[in-house]
Amino acid sequence: MPYWSQQVEVNIIQQINQKQLTANSANEQLQAFFNKQNIVGFEKTAERKLGNTIYVTGKLISSQNKYSLTLLLELNKKGFEIVSVRIS
């Protein structure tokens, strides 16, 4: 899974608070949320870079709701990897 860190912190609205997940589990959780909520778009609202870390915030758009998304990415030898995903 090229864009995921080996361990990813995942917090998704209306799901049991989950701490660290493997890349595969994080990907499955995110896909399940996107499918269930019928996510059709993303609007980036901010991006901040601090050293080797980038914070991206925005809104996930579905036909009925908008959800806040916060991503934490870190730069390593392979490029940027997702370290944390929060959807509220």
PDB file of N, CA and C in Angstrom:
ATOM      1  N   MET A   1       0.860  -1.159   0.000  1.00  0.00           N
ATOM      2  CA  MET A   1       0.000   0.000   0.000  1.00  0.00           C
ATOM      3  C   MET A   1       0.916   1.235   0.000  1.00  0.00           C
ATOM      4  N   PRO A   2       1.109   1.813  -1.151  1.00  0.00           N
ATOM      5  CA  PRO A   2       2.152   2.830  -1.311  1.00  0.00           C
ATOM      6  C   PRO A   2       1.963   4.134  -0.546  1.00  0.00           C
ATOM      7  N   TYR A   3       0.775   4.538  -0.217  1.00  0.00           N
ATOM      8  CA  TYR A   3       0.584   5.842   0.419  1.00  0.00           C
ATOM      9  C   TYR A   3       0.362   5.765   1.923  1.00  0.00           C
ATOM     10  N   TRP A   4       0.306   4.582   2.474  1.00  0.00           N
ATOM     11  CA  TRP A   4       0.039   4.405   3.896  1.00  0.00           C
ATOM     12  C   TRP A   4       1.328   4.090   4.645  1.00  0.00           C
ATOM     13  N   SER A   5       1.445   4.636   5.854  1.00  0.00           N
ATOM     14  CA  SER A   5       2.511   4.246   6.763  1.00  0.00           C
ATOM     15  C   SER A   5       2.215   2.817   7.233  1.00  0.00           C
ATOM     16  N   GLN A   6       3.187   2.153   7.817  1.00  0.00           N
ATOM     17  CA  GLN A   6       2.944   0.790   8.295  1.00  0.00           C
ATOM     18  C   GLN A   6       1.902   0.767   9.402  1.00  0.00           C
ATOM     19  N   GLN A   7       1.898   1.782  10.258  1.00  0.00           N
ATOM     20  CA  GLN A   7       0.904   1.934  11.314  1.00  0.00           C
ATOM     21  C   GLN A   7       0.223   3.280  11.132  1.00  0.00           C
ATOM     22  N   VAL A   8      -1.111   3.292  11.101  1.00  0.00           N
ATOM     23  CA  VAL A   8      -1.873   4.504  10.826  1.00  0.00           C
ATOM     24  C   VAL A   8      -2.889   4.722  11.936  1.00  0.00           C
ATOM     25  N   GLU A   9      -2.968   5.954  12.441  1.00  0.00           N
ATOM     26  CA  GLU A   9      -4.001   6.303  13.416  1.00  0.00           C
ATOM     27  C   GLU A   9      -5.255   6.674  12.634  1.00  0.00           C
ATOM     28  N   VAL A  10      -6.358   5.990  12.924  1.00  0.00           N
ATOM     29  CA  VAL A  10      -7.606   6.216  12.214  1.00  0.00           C
ATOM     30  C   VAL A  10      -8.717   6.520  13.208  1.00  0.00           C
ATOM     31  N   ASN A  11      -9.388   7.644  13.006  1.00  0.00           N
ATOM     32  CA  ASN A  11     -10.566   8.015  13.799  1.00  0.00           C
ATOM     33  C   ASN A  11     -11.648   8.449  12.817  1.00  0.00           C
ATOM     34  N   ILE A  12     -12.717   7.685  12.752  1.00  0.00           N
ATOM     35  CA  ILE A  12     -13.814   7.966  11.824  1.00  0.00           C
ATOM     36  C   ILE A  12     -15.094   8.139  12.612  1.00  0.00           C
ATOM     37  N   ILE A  13     -15.829   9.186  12.299  1.00  0.00           N
ATOM     38  CA  ILE A  13     -17.088   9.506  12.975  1.00  0.00           C
ATOM     39  C   ILE A  13     -17.986   8.269  13.027  1.00  0.00           C
ATOM     40  N   GLN A  14     -18.675   8.107  14.127  1.00  0.00           N
ATOM     41  CA  GLN A  14     -19.649   7.031  14.344  1.00  0.00           C
ATOM     42  C   GLN A  14     -19.037   5.637  14.301  1.00  0.00           C
ATOM     43  N   GLN A  15     -17.731   5.551  14.489  1.00  0.00           N
ATOM     44  CA  GLN A  15     -17.086   4.251  14.591  1.00  0.00           C
ATOM     45  C   GLN A  15     -16.342   4.213  15.917  1.00  0.00           C
ATOM     46  N   ILE A  16     -16.105   3.029  16.392  1.00  0.00           N
ATOM     47  CA  ILE A  16     -15.359   2.881  17.634  1.00  0.00           C
ATOM     48  C   ILE A  16     -13.999   3.523  17.441  1.00  0.00           C
ATOM     49  N   ASN A  17     -13.591   4.323  18.431  1.00  0.00           N
ATOM     50  CA  ASN A  17     -12.294   4.990  18.347  1.00  0.00           C
ATOM     51  C   ASN A  17     -11.201   3.951  18.165  1.00  0.00           C
ATOM     52  N   GLN A  18     -10.467   4.080  17.107  1.00  0.00           N
ATOM     53  CA  GLN A  18      -9.413   3.136  16.813  1.00  0.00           C
ATOM     54  C   GLN A  18      -8.087   3.859  16.876  1.00  0.00           C
ATOM     55  N   LYS A  19      -7.122   3.250  17.457  1.00  0.00           N
ATOM     56  CA  LYS A  19      -5.810   3.873  17.574  1.00  0.00           C
ATOM     57  C   LYS A  19      -4.975   3.537  16.343  1.00  0.00           C
ATOM     58  N   GLN A  20      -4.051   2.640  16.488  1.00  0.00           N
ATOM     59  CA  GLN A  20      -3.136   2.289  15.409  1.00  0.00           C
ATOM     60  C   GLN A  20      -3.657   1.082  14.626  1.00  0.00           C
ATOM     61  N   LEU A  21      -3.695   1.232  13.312  1.00  0.00           N
ATOM     62  CA  LEU A  21      -4.099   0.138  12.434  1.00  0.00           C
ATOM     63  C   LEU A  21      -2.988  -0.133  11.430  1.00  0.00           C
ATOM     64  N   THR A  22      -2.989  -1.330  10.886  1.00  0.00           N
ATOM     65  CA  THR A  22      -2.063  -1.618   9.797  1.00  0.00           C
ATOM     66  C   THR A  22      -2.532  -0.861   8.556  1.00  0.00           C
ATOM     67  N   ALA A  23      -1.671  -0.763   7.570  1.00  0.00           N
ATOM     68  CA  ALA A  23      -2.012  -0.067   6.326  1.00  0.00           C
ATOM     69  C   ALA A  23      -3.246  -0.700   5.673  1.00  0.00           C
ATOM     70  N   ASN A  24      -3.305  -2.033   5.638  1.00  0.00           N
ATOM     71  CA  ASN A  24      -4.446  -2.717   5.028  1.00  0.00           C
ATOM     72  C   ASN A  24      -5.747  -2.426   5.775  1.00  0.00           C
ATOM     73  N   SER A  25      -5.697  -2.480   7.102  1.00  0.00           N
ATOM     74  CA  SER A  25      -6.897  -2.216   7.900  1.00  0.00           C
ATOM     75  C   SER A  25      -7.352  -0.768   7.753  1.00  0.00           C
ATOM     76  N   ALA A  26      -6.406   0.169   7.741  1.00  0.00           N
ATOM     77  CA  ALA A  26      -6.746   1.585   7.562  1.00  0.00           C
ATOM     78  C   ALA A  26      -7.403   1.801   6.208  1.00  0.00           C
ATOM     79  N   ASN A  27      -6.860   1.190   5.182  1.00  0.00           N
ATOM     80  CA  ASN A  27      -7.423   1.315   3.838  1.00  0.00           C
ATOM     81  C   ASN A  27      -8.835   0.739   3.784  1.00  0.00           C
ATOM     82  N   GLU A  28      -9.043  -0.407   4.404  1.00  0.00           N
ATOM     83  CA  GLU A  28     -10.374  -1.036   4.432  1.00  0.00           C
ATOM     84  C   GLU A  28     -11.383  -0.155   5.163  1.00  0.00           C
ATOM     85  N   GLN A  29     -10.987   0.426   6.303  1.00  0.00           N
ATOM     86  CA  GLN A  29     -11.881   1.296   7.069  1.00  0.00           C
ATOM     87  C   GLN A  29     -12.280   2.523   6.247  1.00  0.00           C
ATOM     88  N   LEU A  30     -11.314   3.118   5.582  1.00  0.00           N
ATOM     89  CA  LEU A  30     -11.588   4.307   4.778  1.00  0.00           C
ATOM     90  C   LEU A  30     -12.479   3.971   3.584  1.00  0.00           C
ATOM     91  N   GLN A  31     -12.205   2.868   2.922  1.00  0.00           N
ATOM     92  CA  GLN A  31     -13.049   2.448   1.797  1.00  0.00           C
ATOM     93  C   GLN A  31     -14.478   2.172   2.250  1.00  0.00           C
ATOM     94  N   ALA A  32     -14.633   1.523   3.388  1.00  0.00           N
ATOM     95  CA  ALA A  32     -15.970   1.229   3.906  1.00  0.00           C
ATOM     96  C   ALA A  32     -16.725   2.526   4.199  1.00  0.00           C
ATOM     97  N   PHE A  33     -16.054   3.497   4.805  1.00  0.00           N
ATOM     98  CA  PHE A  33     -16.690   4.780   5.087  1.00  0.00           C
ATOM     99  C   PHE A  33     -17.100   5.474   3.793  1.00  0.00           C
ATOM    100  N   PHE A  34     -16.201   5.527   2.807  1.00  0.00           N
ATOM    101  CA  PHE A  34     -16.505   6.172   1.531  1.00  0.00           C
ATOM    102  C   PHE A  34     -17.692   5.510   0.846  1.00  0.00           C
ATOM    103  N   ASN A  35     -17.730   4.185   0.859  1.00  0.00           N
ATOM    104  CA  ASN A  35     -18.836   3.464   0.222  1.00  0.00           C
ATOM    105  C   ASN A  35     -20.151   3.679   0.959  1.00  0.00           C
ATOM    106  N   LYS A  36     -20.130   3.604   2.279  1.00  0.00           N
ATOM    107  CA  LYS A  36     -21.348   3.751   3.077  1.00  0.00           C
ATOM    108  C   LYS A  36     -21.922   5.161   2.970  1.00  0.00           C
ATOM    109  N   GLN A  37     -21.059   6.168   2.979  1.00  0.00           N
ATOM    110  CA  GLN A  37     -21.514   7.557   2.944  1.00  0.00           C
ATOM    111  C   GLN A  37     -21.615   8.119   1.525  1.00  0.00           C
ATOM    112  N   ASN A  38     -21.249   7.319   0.525  1.00  0.00           N
ATOM    113  CA  ASN A  38     -21.297   7.726  -0.874  1.00  0.00           C
ATOM    114  C   ASN A  38     -20.523   9.034  -1.095  1.00  0.00           C
ATOM    115  N   ILE A  39     -19.254   9.036  -0.693  1.00  0.00           N
ATOM    116  CA  ILE A  39     -18.396  10.213  -0.847  1.00  0.00           C
ATOM    117  C   ILE A  39     -18.122  10.422  -2.341  1.00  0.00           C
ATOM    118  N   VAL A  40     -18.367  11.661  -2.798  1.00  0.00           N
ATOM    119  CA  VAL A  40     -18.214  11.966  -4.222  1.00  0.00           C
ATOM    120  C   VAL A  40     -17.180  13.051  -4.501  1.00  0.00           C
ATOM    121  N   GLY A  41     -16.648  13.697  -3.442  1.00  0.00           N
ATOM    122  CA  GLY A  41     -15.678  14.751  -3.688  1.00  0.00           C
ATOM    123  C   GLY A  41     -14.940  15.173  -2.440  1.00  0.00           C
ATOM    124  N   PHE A  42     -13.962  16.059  -2.660  1.00  0.00           N
ATOM    125  CA  PHE A  42     -13.147  16.588  -1.574  1.00  0.00           C
ATOM    126  C   PHE A  42     -12.807  18.041  -1.878  1.00  0.00           C
ATOM    127  N   GLU A  43     -12.971  18.899  -0.868  1.00  0.00           N
ATOM    128  CA  GLU A  43     -12.585  20.303  -0.971  1.00  0.00           C
ATOM    129  C   GLU A  43     -11.496  20.570   0.056  1.00  0.00           C
ATOM    130  N   LYS A  44     -10.299  20.887  -0.397  1.00  0.00           N
ATOM    131  CA  LYS A  44      -9.207  21.189   0.530  1.00  0.00           C
ATOM    132  C   LYS A  44      -9.407  22.591   1.081  1.00  0.00           C
ATOM    133  N   THR A  45      -9.300  22.730   2.412  1.00  0.00           N
ATOM    134  CA  THR A  45      -9.455  24.044   3.033  1.00  0.00           C
ATOM    135  C   THR A  45      -8.124  24.608   3.521  1.00  0.00           C
ATOM    136  N   ALA A  46      -7.168  23.754   3.863  1.00  0.00           N
ATOM    137  CA  ALA A  46      -5.875  24.247   4.329  1.00  0.00           C
ATOM    138  C   ALA A  46      -4.814  23.169   4.196  1.00  0.00           C
ATOM    139  N   GLU A  47      -3.572  23.647   4.109  1.00  0.00           N
ATOM    140  CA  GLU A  47      -2.423  22.750   4.070  1.00  0.00           C
ATOM    141  C   GLU A  47      -1.270  23.470   4.760  1.00  0.00           C
ATOM    142  N   ARG A  48      -0.643  22.798   5.718  1.00  0.00           N
ATOM    143  CA  ARG A  48       0.490  23.368   6.438  1.00  0.00           C
ATOM    144  C   ARG A  48       1.645  22.388   6.418  1.00  0.00           C
ATOM    145  N   LYS A  49       2.828  22.917   6.165  1.00  0.00           N
ATOM    146  CA  LYS A  49       4.022  22.080   6.168  1.00  0.00           C
ATOM    147  C   LYS A  49       4.901  22.495   7.339  1.00  0.00           C
ATOM    148  N   LEU A  50       5.293  21.510   8.137  1.00  0.00           N
ATOM    149  CA  LEU A  50       6.197  21.727   9.272  1.00  0.00           C
ATOM    150  C   LEU A  50       7.316  20.699   9.171  1.00  0.00           C
ATOM    151  N   GLY A  51       8.445  21.088   8.650  1.00  0.00           N
ATOM    152  CA  GLY A  51       9.554  20.147   8.471  1.00  0.00           C
ATOM    153  C   GLY A  51       9.181  19.066   7.477  1.00  0.00           C
ATOM    154  N   ASN A  52       9.234  17.814   7.919  1.00  0.00           N
ATOM    155  CA  ASN A  52       8.891  16.668   7.061  1.00  0.00           C
ATOM    156  C   ASN A  52       7.436  16.252   7.204  1.00  0.00           C
ATOM    157  N   THR A  53       6.618  17.098   7.811  1.00  0.00           N
ATOM    158  CA  THR A  53       5.217  16.772   8.081  1.00  0.00           C
ATOM    159  C   THR A  53       4.301  17.741   7.356  1.00  0.00           C
ATOM    160  N   ILE A  54       3.224  17.212   6.794  1.00  0.00           N
ATOM    161  CA  ILE A  54       2.205  18.051   6.151  1.00  0.00           C
ATOM    162  C   ILE A  54       0.855  17.722   6.767  1.00  0.00           C
ATOM    163  N   TYR A  55       0.124  18.774   7.156  1.00  0.00           N
ATOM    164  CA  TYR A  55      -1.256  18.643   7.618  1.00  0.00           C
ATOM    165  C   TYR A  55      -2.166  19.134   6.495  1.00  0.00           C
ATOM    166  N   VAL A  56      -3.148  18.330   6.135  1.00  0.00           N
ATOM    167  CA  VAL A  56      -4.124  18.718   5.126  1.00  0.00           C
ATOM    168  C   VAL A  56      -5.502  18.623   5.764  1.00  0.00           C
ATOM    169  N   THR A  57      -6.290  19.690   5.637  1.00  0.00           N
ATOM    170  CA  THR A  57      -7.667  19.663   6.136  1.00  0.00           C
ATOM    171  C   THR A  57      -8.603  20.003   4.996  1.00  0.00           C
ATOM    172  N   GLY A  58      -9.824  19.497   5.108  1.00  0.00           N
ATOM    173  CA  GLY A  58     -10.807  19.770   4.081  1.00  0.00           C
ATOM    174  C   GLY A  58     -12.132  19.106   4.400  1.00  0.00           C
ATOM    175  N   LYS A  59     -13.001  19.098   3.403  1.00  0.00           N
ATOM    176  CA  LYS A  59     -14.337  18.524   3.543  1.00  0.00           C
ATOM    177  C   LYS A  59     -14.536  17.403   2.531  1.00  0.00           C
ATOM    178  N   LEU A  60     -14.979  16.248   3.042  1.00  0.00           N
ATOM    179  CA  LEU A  60     -15.427  15.163   2.177  1.00  0.00           C
ATOM    180  C   LEU A  60     -16.885  15.426   1.865  1.00  0.00           C
ATOM    181  N   ILE A  61     -17.261  15.301   0.604  1.00  0.00           N
ATOM    182  CA  ILE A  61     -18.610  15.658   0.174  1.00  0.00           C
ATOM    183  C   ILE A  61     -19.374  14.407  -0.241  1.00  0.00           C
ATOM    184  N   SER A  62     -20.557  14.247   0.348  1.00  0.00           N
ATOM    185  CA  SER A  62     -21.479  13.194  -0.081  1.00  0.00           C
ATOM    186  C   SER A  62     -22.743  13.882  -0.578  1.00  0.00           C
ATOM    187  N   SER A  63     -23.685  13.125  -1.050  1.00  0.00           N
ATOM    188  CA  SER A  63     -24.922  13.722  -1.567  1.00  0.00           C
ATOM    189  C   SER A  63     -25.751  14.373  -0.469  1.00  0.00           C
ATOM    190  N   GLN A  64     -25.540  13.972   0.797  1.00  0.00           N
ATOM    191  CA  GLN A  64     -26.354  14.502   1.885  1.00  0.00           C
ATOM    192  C   GLN A  64     -25.570  15.275   2.936  1.00  0.00           C
ATOM    193  N   ASN A  65     -24.278  15.014   3.094  1.00  0.00           N
ATOM    194  CA  ASN A  65     -23.508  15.618   4.176  1.00  0.00           C
ATOM    195  C   ASN A  65     -22.132  16.052   3.711  1.00  0.00           C
ATOM    196  N   LYS A  66     -21.478  16.834   4.577  1.00  0.00           N
ATOM    197  CA  LYS A  66     -20.060  17.138   4.434  1.00  0.00           C
ATOM    198  C   LYS A  66     -19.385  16.698   5.727  1.00  0.00           C
ATOM    199  N   TYR A  67     -18.241  16.075   5.598  1.00  0.00           N
ATOM    200  CA  TYR A  67     -17.482  15.581   6.738  1.00  0.00           C
ATOM    201  C   TYR A  67     -16.118  16.257   6.749  1.00  0.00           C
ATOM    202  N   SER A  68     -15.658  16.641   7.925  1.00  0.00           N
ATOM    203  CA  SER A  68     -14.327  17.227   8.055  1.00  0.00           C
ATOM    204  C   SER A  68     -13.279  16.125   7.984  1.00  0.00           C
ATOM    205  N   LEU A  69     -12.229  16.393   7.238  1.00  0.00           N
ATOM    206  CA  LEU A  69     -11.134  15.442   7.079  1.00  0.00           C
ATOM    207  C   LEU A  69      -9.831  16.124   7.469  1.00  0.00           C
ATOM    208  N   THR A  70      -9.031  15.438   8.270  1.00  0.00           N
ATOM    209  CA  THR A  70      -7.690  15.890   8.602  1.00  0.00           C
ATOM    210  C   THR A  70      -6.726  14.749   8.315  1.00  0.00           C
ATOM    211  N   LEU A  71      -5.716  15.042   7.514  1.00  0.00           N
ATOM    212  CA  LEU A  71      -4.685  14.061   7.196  1.00  0.00           C
ATOM    213  C   LEU A  71      -3.347  14.558   7.724  1.00  0.00           C
ATOM    214  N   LEU A  72      -2.562  13.643   8.243  1.00  0.00           N
ATOM    215  CA  LEU A  72      -1.193  13.939   8.636  1.00  0.00           C
ATOM    216  C   LEU A  72      -0.301  13.056   7.776  1.00  0.00           C
ATOM    217  N   LEU A  73       0.586  13.690   7.032  1.00  0.00           N
ATOM    218  CA  LEU A  73       1.500  12.964   6.158  1.00  0.00           C
ATOM    219  C   LEU A  73       2.924  13.259   6.575  1.00  0.00           C
ATOM    220  N   GLU A  74       3.802  12.254   6.451  1.00  0.00           N
ATOM    221  CA  GLU A  74       5.214  12.434   6.757  1.00  0.00           C
ATOM    222  C   GLU A  74       6.054  12.020   5.567  1.00  0.00           C
ATOM    223  N   LEU A  75       7.107  12.781   5.338  1.00  0.00           N
ATOM    224  CA  LEU A  75       8.032  12.491   4.249  1.00  0.00           C
ATOM    225  C   LEU A  75       9.087  11.509   4.729  1.00  0.00           C
ATOM    226  N   ASN A  76       9.291  10.454   3.941  1.00  0.00           N
ATOM    227  CA  ASN A  76      10.375   9.515   4.223  1.00  0.00           C
ATOM    228  C   ASN A  76      11.073   9.192   2.908  1.00  0.00           C
ATOM    229  N   LYS A  77      11.894   8.176   2.885  1.00  0.00           N
ATOM    230  CA  LYS A  77      12.654   7.843   1.672  1.00  0.00           C
ATOM    231  C   LYS A  77      11.767   7.477   0.488  1.00  0.00           C
ATOM    232  N   LYS A  78      10.579   6.945   0.757  1.00  0.00           N
ATOM    233  CA  LYS A  78       9.662   6.524  -0.305  1.00  0.00           C
ATOM    234  C   LYS A  78       8.781   7.666  -0.812  1.00  0.00           C
ATOM    235  N   GLY A  79       8.759   8.781  -0.099  1.00  0.00           N
ATOM    236  CA  GLY A  79       7.867   9.894  -0.421  1.00  0.00           C
ATOM    237  C   GLY A  79       6.954  10.145   0.765  1.00  0.00           C
ATOM    238  N   PHE A  80       5.815  10.769   0.519  1.00  0.00           N
ATOM    239  CA  PHE A  80       4.884  11.048   1.607  1.00  0.00           C
ATOM    240  C   PHE A  80       4.019   9.835   1.902  1.00  0.00           C
ATOM    241  N   GLU A  81       3.831   9.578   3.201  1.00  0.00           N
ATOM    242  CA  GLU A  81       2.958   8.495   3.664  1.00  0.00           C
ATOM    243  C   GLU A  81       1.931   9.049   4.634  1.00  0.00           C
ATOM    244  N   ILE A  82       0.717   8.491   4.589  1.00  0.00           N
ATOM    245  CA  ILE A  82      -0.348   8.891   5.506  1.00  0.00           C
ATOM    246  C   ILE A  82      -0.086   8.243   6.858  1.00  0.00           C
ATOM    247  N   VAL A  83      -0.021   9.089   7.892  1.00  0.00           N
ATOM    248  CA  VAL A  83       0.239   8.627   9.250  1.00  0.00           C
ATOM    249  C   VAL A  83      -1.033   8.663  10.088  1.00  0.00           C
ATOM    250  N   SER A  84      -1.922   9.612   9.782  1.00  0.00           N
ATOM    251  CA  SER A  84      -3.136   9.772  10.572  1.00  0.00           C
ATOM    252  C   SER A  84      -4.277  10.253   9.675  1.00  0.00           C
ATOM    253  N   VAL A  85      -5.478   9.696   9.912  1.00  0.00           N
ATOM    254  CA  VAL A  85      -6.704  10.106   9.204  1.00  0.00           C
ATOM    255  C   VAL A  85      -7.782  10.328  10.255  1.00  0.00           C
ATOM    256  N   ARG A  86      -8.406  11.499  10.209  1.00  0.00           N
ATOM    257  CA  ARG A  86      -9.528  11.793  11.103  1.00  0.00           C
ATOM    258  C   ARG A  86     -10.687  12.319  10.272  1.00  0.00           C
ATOM    259  N   ILE A  87     -11.845  11.712  10.474  1.00  0.00           N
ATOM    260  CA  ILE A  87     -13.059  12.152   9.794  1.00  0.00           C
ATOM    261  C   ILE A  87     -14.111  12.419  10.849  1.00  0.00           C
ATOM    262  N   SER A  88     -14.654  13.637  10.844  1.00  0.00           N
ATOM    263  CA  SER A  88     -15.686  13.993  11.813  1.00  0.00           C
ATOM    264  C   SER A  88     -16.807  14.759  11.136  1.00  0.00           C
TER     265      SER A  88
END
